[in-house]
């Protein structure tokens, strides 16, 4: 077996779940998709073996592209919110490419169609630099930059910048978190699934009430609970400010795209929130930001779509070369 023999393995691996699929023809999207809980498998090779045996008929992929939620150094990976770490050599696949999960999401952007996106305001996406960010187990950031050789994905760790608080109650939340032993509050501390829980607890402290121990799913579901509603509203406002900062940092005139596991559950509430107002709320650059479109990705598996697209592009270059 040689590199780029079909089928190919693609994956989108986060801190909680690992999503796997197969690419069975050049240019095709992933099929045989399955979601495995990371906690059920001690290592990434164990999860790959389980997927291929249980969901892919025991095939042996000729190549793989794996999108992982964590830093990548050559052939080595380490998930930020999971114990999985190691080398691609442990997978036993002839050719393996590792991408940061938001690098893969960035690659997917030109392949997303109308029904895959919900507009959050601003003009339609343009052709310049595109940014993608989003809350899941953590807070990811990536970009896609145009060049004479096509689109180039740019990974990043922007979720670890300082949280962009502006309003007085947001500062109170940060002070509450510091009083609870979080000396430096970064964006991911509030803008993620675990961040929703942390934000809910901090708002309870600010309000002088006792908060029940809710999960992120509980907070999202309790639409009639005033503390949960305030949590979601502040979450969306902070996310808008963060997205505006990302747009300015990257010069993302081609659009800002939101992804991750949290937002597709609350699409209508994001659309009706202060997200877009806070996105543009920069006194010096409001007009610049008003010209940048914001969209929410609602496609089922955009990370794997990006991984599949990356492999197809690489295979075409190998065939031409």
Protein backbone atom coordinates (compact mmCIF):
# COMPACT_ATOMS: atom_id res chain seq x y z
CA UNK A 1 0.00 0.00 0.00
CA UNK A 2 1.28 3.49 -0.90
CA UNK A 3 0.40 7.00 0.18
CA UNK A 4 -2.84 8.35 -1.28
CA UNK A 5 -4.26 4.93 -2.08
CA UNK A 6 -7.97 5.20 -1.39
CA UNK A 7 -9.81 5.13 0.92
CA UNK A 8 -8.50 7.91 3.14
CA UNK A 9 -9.19 8.42 6.80
CA UNK A 10 -10.32 11.87 7.96
CA UNK A 11 -11.06 12.98 11.51
CA UNK A 12 -12.04 15.96 13.63
CA UNK A 13 -10.79 15.29 17.15
CA UNK A 14 -11.78 17.50 20.05
CA UNK A 15 -11.35 17.32 23.78
CA UNK A 16 -14.60 15.37 24.23
CA UNK A 17 -15.41 13.55 20.98
CA UNK A 18 -13.50 12.16 18.01
CA UNK A 19 -15.35 12.24 14.68
CA UNK A 20 -14.09 9.89 11.97
CA UNK A 21 -14.98 9.32 8.32
CA UNK A 22 -13.68 7.84 5.07
CA UNK A 23 -13.02 9.50 1.72
CA UNK A 24 -13.60 6.91 -0.99
CA UNK A 25 -12.96 8.96 -4.16
CA UNK A 26 -10.90 12.03 -5.08
CA UNK A 27 -12.80 15.22 -4.25
CA UNK A 28 -15.54 13.44 -2.30
CA UNK A 29 -16.69 14.38 1.17
CA UNK A 30 -16.50 12.04 4.15
CA UNK A 31 -18.71 8.96 4.42
CA UNK A 32 -19.06 6.20 7.06
CA UNK A 33 -19.06 8.96 9.67
CA UNK A 34 -19.00 7.92 13.33
CA UNK A 35 -18.50 9.83 16.59
CA UNK A 36 -16.47 8.15 19.33
CA UNK A 37 -16.24 9.43 22.90
CA UNK A 38 -12.61 10.23 23.69
CA UNK A 39 -12.99 8.98 27.26
CA UNK A 40 -13.74 5.47 25.91
CA UNK A 41 -10.31 5.14 24.30
CA UNK A 42 -6.96 5.56 26.11
CA UNK A 43 -5.10 6.86 23.04
CA UNK A 44 -5.73 8.18 19.55
CA UNK A 45 -4.38 4.98 17.89
CA UNK A 46 -6.88 3.00 20.00
CA UNK A 47 -9.72 5.19 18.75
CA UNK A 48 -8.56 4.90 15.12
CA UNK A 49 -8.36 1.11 15.42
CA UNK A 50 -11.84 0.97 16.96
CA UNK A 51 -13.33 3.17 14.23
CA UNK A 52 -11.79 1.21 11.36
CA UNK A 53 -12.88 -2.12 12.87
CA UNK A 54 -16.38 -1.16 13.98
CA UNK A 55 -17.51 1.45 11.47
CA UNK A 56 -15.34 1.13 8.35
CA UNK A 57 -15.33 -2.61 7.65
CA UNK A 58 -11.71 -3.04 8.68
CA UNK A 59 -10.28 -1.13 5.69
CA UNK A 60 -6.66 0.03 5.66
CA UNK A 61 -6.43 3.70 4.63
CA UNK A 62 -3.60 4.78 2.37
CA UNK A 63 -3.58 8.29 3.82
CA UNK A 64 -5.14 10.27 6.63
CA UNK A 65 -5.74 13.89 7.56
CA UNK A 66 -6.56 14.43 11.21
CA UNK A 67 -7.76 17.73 12.63
CA UNK A 68 -6.94 17.98 16.34
CA UNK A 69 -7.87 20.51 19.01
CA UNK A 70 -4.39 21.32 20.22
CA UNK A 71 -0.87 22.34 19.23
CA UNK A 72 0.95 20.35 16.56
CA UNK A 73 4.72 20.11 16.12
CA UNK A 74 5.59 18.22 12.97
CA UNK A 75 4.41 14.65 13.41
CA UNK A 76 3.68 15.13 17.12
CA UNK A 77 0.39 16.24 18.67
CA UNK A 78 -1.00 17.04 22.09
CA UNK A 79 -4.66 17.78 22.67
CA UNK A 80 -5.27 20.84 24.83
CA UNK A 81 -8.29 19.44 26.69
CA UNK A 82 -7.52 15.71 26.59
CA UNK A 83 -4.73 13.37 27.63
CA UNK A 84 -4.20 12.18 24.05
CA UNK A 85 -0.68 12.91 22.83
CA UNK A 86 1.83 11.11 20.61
CA UNK A 87 3.18 10.75 17.10
CA UNK A 88 1.46 9.98 13.79
CA UNK A 89 3.92 7.11 13.36
CA UNK A 90 1.89 5.20 15.93
CA UNK A 91 -1.12 5.05 13.59
CA UNK A 92 0.36 2.63 11.03
CA UNK A 93 -0.93 4.63 8.03
CA UNK A 94 1.50 5.34 5.14
CA UNK A 95 0.81 9.09 4.93
CA UNK A 96 -0.66 11.19 7.73
CA UNK A 97 -1.11 14.96 7.88
CA UNK A 98 -2.02 16.67 11.14
CA UNK A 99 -3.98 19.92 11.14
CA UNK A 100 -5.07 22.08 14.02
CA UNK A 101 -8.87 21.68 14.23
CA UNK A 102 -9.48 25.31 13.28
CA UNK A 103 -6.92 25.05 10.48
CA UNK A 104 -9.14 22.29 9.05
CA UNK A 105 -12.23 24.44 9.57
CA UNK A 106 -10.48 27.23 7.67
CA UNK A 107 -9.78 24.87 4.74
CA UNK A 108 -13.49 23.95 4.70
CA UNK A 109 -14.72 27.53 4.24
CA UNK A 110 -14.68 27.68 0.40
CA UNK A 111 -16.55 24.36 0.33
CA UNK A 112 -19.47 25.47 2.52
CA UNK A 113 -22.70 26.26 0.71
CA UNK A 114 -25.77 28.37 1.50
CA UNK A 115 -27.50 25.91 3.81
CA UNK A 116 -24.28 25.38 5.76
CA UNK A 117 -24.22 29.00 6.99
CA UNK A 118 -26.47 31.37 8.94
CA UNK A 119 -25.77 35.10 8.56
CA UNK A 120 -25.05 37.00 11.79
CA UNK A 121 -24.92 40.37 10.08
CA UNK A 122 -22.83 42.37 7.67
CA UNK A 123 -22.25 41.93 3.94
CA UNK A 124 -21.84 38.55 2.21
CA UNK A 125 -18.39 36.96 2.66
CA UNK A 126 -15.71 38.40 0.39
CA UNK A 127 -12.51 37.06 -1.16
CA UNK A 128 -9.96 38.38 1.33
CA UNK A 129 -8.59 36.74 4.46
CA UNK A 130 -11.23 34.64 6.20
CA UNK A 131 -11.24 34.02 9.95
CA UNK A 132 -12.93 31.18 11.78
CA UNK A 133 -13.41 30.90 15.52
CA UNK A 134 -15.69 29.17 17.93
CA UNK A 135 -16.45 27.78 21.37
CA UNK A 136 -16.49 24.05 22.03
CA UNK A 137 -14.53 22.22 24.70
CA UNK A 138 -12.09 25.10 24.19
CA UNK A 139 -12.05 28.26 22.05
CA UNK A 140 -10.41 27.83 18.66
CA UNK A 141 -9.18 30.35 16.10
CA UNK A 142 -7.87 29.91 12.58
CA UNK A 143 -7.69 31.74 9.26
CA UNK A 144 -7.57 31.20 5.51
CA UNK A 145 -5.34 33.53 3.50
CA UNK A 146 -5.41 33.94 -0.31
CA UNK A 147 -2.20 33.58 -2.29
CA UNK A 148 -1.14 33.12 -5.90
CA UNK A 149 -1.03 29.38 -5.19
CA UNK A 150 -4.54 29.21 -3.72
CA UNK A 151 -5.82 29.37 -0.18
CA UNK A 152 -3.37 28.89 2.72
CA UNK A 153 -4.70 27.84 6.15
CA UNK A 154 -3.24 29.59 9.20
CA UNK A 155 -3.59 27.92 12.62
CA UNK A 156 -3.57 29.85 15.86
CA UNK A 157 -4.16 29.73 19.60
CA UNK A 158 -6.16 32.94 19.85
CA UNK A 159 -8.55 31.49 22.42
CA UNK A 160 -5.88 32.11 25.05
CA UNK A 161 -5.77 35.89 24.69
CA UNK A 162 -7.12 37.99 27.55
CA UNK A 163 -10.91 38.03 27.71
CA UNK A 164 -12.32 41.19 25.99
CA UNK A 165 -14.45 42.68 28.80
CA UNK A 166 -15.98 46.13 28.26
CA UNK A 167 -19.17 46.50 30.31
CA UNK A 168 -19.14 47.04 34.10
CA UNK A 169 -20.84 43.71 34.83
CA UNK A 170 -18.26 41.94 32.70
CA UNK A 171 -15.51 43.43 34.82
CA UNK A 172 -17.41 42.25 37.89
CA UNK A 173 -17.44 38.72 36.46
CA UNK A 174 -13.67 38.85 35.95
CA UNK A 175 -13.18 40.05 39.52
CA UNK A 176 -15.40 37.22 40.76
CA UNK A 177 -13.33 34.67 38.86
CA UNK A 178 -10.10 36.12 40.24
CA UNK A 179 -11.54 35.79 43.74
CA UNK A 180 -12.11 32.12 42.96
CA UNK A 181 -8.48 31.49 42.07
CA UNK A 182 -8.29 32.38 38.36
CA UNK A 183 -5.60 35.11 38.35
CA UNK A 184 -5.50 35.68 34.57
CA UNK A 185 -8.84 35.28 32.80
CA UNK A 186 -8.45 34.41 29.13
CA UNK A 187 -11.19 34.28 26.51
CA UNK A 188 -11.44 30.47 26.61
CA UNK A 189 -12.24 30.61 30.33
CA UNK A 190 -15.64 32.11 29.44
CA UNK A 191 -16.15 31.45 25.71
CA UNK A 192 -16.37 27.67 25.62
CA UNK A 193 -18.64 24.90 26.89
CA UNK A 194 -16.85 24.82 30.28
CA UNK A 195 -16.74 28.61 30.05
CA UNK A 196 -20.54 28.79 30.03
CA UNK A 197 -20.55 26.94 33.35
CA UNK A 198 -17.83 29.23 34.73
CA UNK A 199 -19.68 32.34 33.52
CA UNK A 200 -22.95 31.14 35.07
CA UNK A 201 -21.24 30.54 38.40
CA UNK A 202 -19.47 33.93 38.30
CA UNK A 203 -22.70 35.78 37.52
CA UNK A 204 -24.33 34.07 40.49
CA UNK A 205 -21.54 35.42 42.70
CA UNK A 206 -21.98 38.90 41.23
CA UNK A 207 -25.74 38.72 41.81
CA UNK A 208 -25.32 37.39 45.34
CA UNK A 209 -27.34 34.23 44.69
CA UNK A 210 -26.62 30.54 44.95
CA UNK A 211 -26.41 28.89 41.52
CA UNK A 212 -27.32 25.25 41.04
CA UNK A 213 -24.59 23.08 39.57
CA UNK A 214 -25.68 23.17 35.93
CA UNK A 215 -23.91 21.82 32.87
CA UNK A 216 -23.52 23.85 29.70
CA UNK A 217 -26.40 21.87 28.16
CA UNK A 218 -28.58 22.72 31.18
CA UNK A 219 -27.79 26.43 30.89
CA UNK A 220 -28.64 26.46 27.20
CA UNK A 221 -31.90 24.57 27.77
CA UNK A 222 -33.26 26.73 30.63
CA UNK A 223 -34.59 29.58 28.51
CA UNK A 224 -36.97 30.81 31.24
CA UNK A 225 -34.33 30.97 33.98
CA UNK A 226 -33.16 34.58 34.43
CA UNK A 227 -29.59 33.69 35.45
CA UNK A 228 -29.20 31.28 32.53
CA UNK A 229 -30.62 33.90 30.15
CA UNK A 230 -28.16 36.51 31.44
CA UNK A 231 -25.35 33.98 31.05
CA UNK A 232 -26.19 33.35 27.39
CA UNK A 233 -26.57 37.07 26.64
CA UNK A 234 -23.21 37.96 28.19
CA UNK A 235 -21.62 34.94 26.45
CA UNK A 236 -22.84 36.20 23.05
CA UNK A 237 -21.77 39.79 23.75
CA UNK A 238 -18.28 38.74 24.81
CA UNK A 239 -18.06 36.48 21.76
CA UNK A 240 -18.94 39.43 19.52
CA UNK A 241 -16.14 41.52 21.03
CA UNK A 242 -13.70 38.65 20.69
CA UNK A 243 -14.71 38.06 17.05
CA UNK A 244 -14.20 41.76 16.30
CA UNK A 245 -10.71 41.59 17.78
CA UNK A 246 -9.91 38.54 15.63
CA UNK A 247 -11.21 40.32 12.52
CA UNK A 248 -8.99 43.34 13.18
CA UNK A 249 -5.93 41.25 14.04
CA UNK A 250 -6.15 39.20 10.85
CA UNK A 251 -7.60 41.84 8.53
CA UNK A 252 -10.42 39.39 7.81
CA UNK A 253 -12.17 41.30 5.02
CA UNK A 254 -13.26 37.96 3.56
CA UNK A 255 -15.55 37.31 6.53
CA UNK A 256 -15.59 35.94 10.04
CA UNK A 257 -17.09 32.48 10.52
CA UNK A 258 -18.23 31.01 13.81
CA UNK A 259 -18.03 27.30 14.53
CA UNK A 260 -17.71 24.95 17.50
CA UNK A 261 -20.09 22.70 19.38
CA UNK A 262 -21.92 25.36 21.44
CA UNK A 263 -23.36 27.87 18.95
CA UNK A 264 -25.39 25.55 16.66
CA UNK A 265 -27.53 24.76 19.73
CA UNK A 266 -28.48 28.42 20.22
CA UNK A 267 -28.65 29.84 16.69
CA UNK A 268 -31.73 32.00 17.23
CA UNK A 269 -30.42 33.36 20.51
CA UNK A 270 -27.10 34.32 18.94
CA UNK A 271 -28.93 36.07 16.09
CA UNK A 272 -31.06 38.03 18.59
CA UNK A 273 -28.17 38.89 20.91
CA UNK A 274 -25.69 41.75 21.15
CA UNK A 275 -23.14 39.70 19.19
CA UNK A 276 -23.10 41.87 16.05
CA UNK A 277 -23.32 45.15 17.95
CA UNK A 278 -20.30 44.20 20.05
CA UNK A 279 -18.49 42.95 16.93
CA UNK A 280 -18.66 46.48 15.50
CA UNK A 281 -18.27 48.34 18.80
CA UNK A 282 -14.77 49.68 18.24
CA UNK A 283 -14.83 53.48 18.20
CA UNK A 284 -11.81 53.75 15.92
CA UNK A 285 -12.62 50.88 13.52
CA UNK A 286 -16.43 50.64 13.50
CA UNK A 287 -16.72 51.36 9.76
CA UNK A 288 -14.04 48.79 8.96
CA UNK A 289 -15.82 46.14 11.05
CA UNK A 290 -19.24 47.03 9.59
CA UNK A 291 -17.86 45.98 6.20
CA UNK A 292 -17.01 42.46 7.41
CA UNK A 293 -19.66 39.75 7.24
CA UNK A 294 -20.20 37.34 10.12
CA UNK A 295 -21.65 33.85 9.62
CA UNK A 296 -22.41 30.86 11.81
CA UNK A 297 -21.42 27.46 10.44
CA UNK A 298 -24.26 24.96 10.92
CA UNK A 299 -22.90 22.21 8.63
CA UNK A 300 -22.72 18.82 10.33
CA UNK A 301 -19.00 17.99 9.98
CA UNK A 302 -17.08 21.01 8.64
CA UNK A 303 -13.78 19.93 10.21
CA UNK A 304 -13.82 16.65 8.35
CA UNK A 305 -14.89 18.47 5.17
CA UNK A 306 -11.74 20.54 5.52
CA UNK A 307 -9.57 17.50 6.18
CA UNK A 308 -11.00 15.76 3.10
CA UNK A 309 -10.45 18.88 0.98
CA UNK A 310 -6.84 19.15 2.18
CA UNK A 311 -6.11 15.53 1.21
CA UNK A 312 -7.74 15.93 -2.20
CA UNK A 313 -5.69 19.07 -2.90
CA UNK A 314 -2.48 17.33 -1.83
CA UNK A 315 -3.25 14.23 -3.88
CA UNK A 316 -3.90 16.33 -6.98
CA UNK A 317 -0.54 18.07 -6.55
CA UNK A 318 1.19 14.69 -6.18
CA UNK A 319 -0.50 13.40 -9.35
CA UNK A 320 0.46 16.54 -11.33
CA UNK A 321 4.00 16.48 -9.92
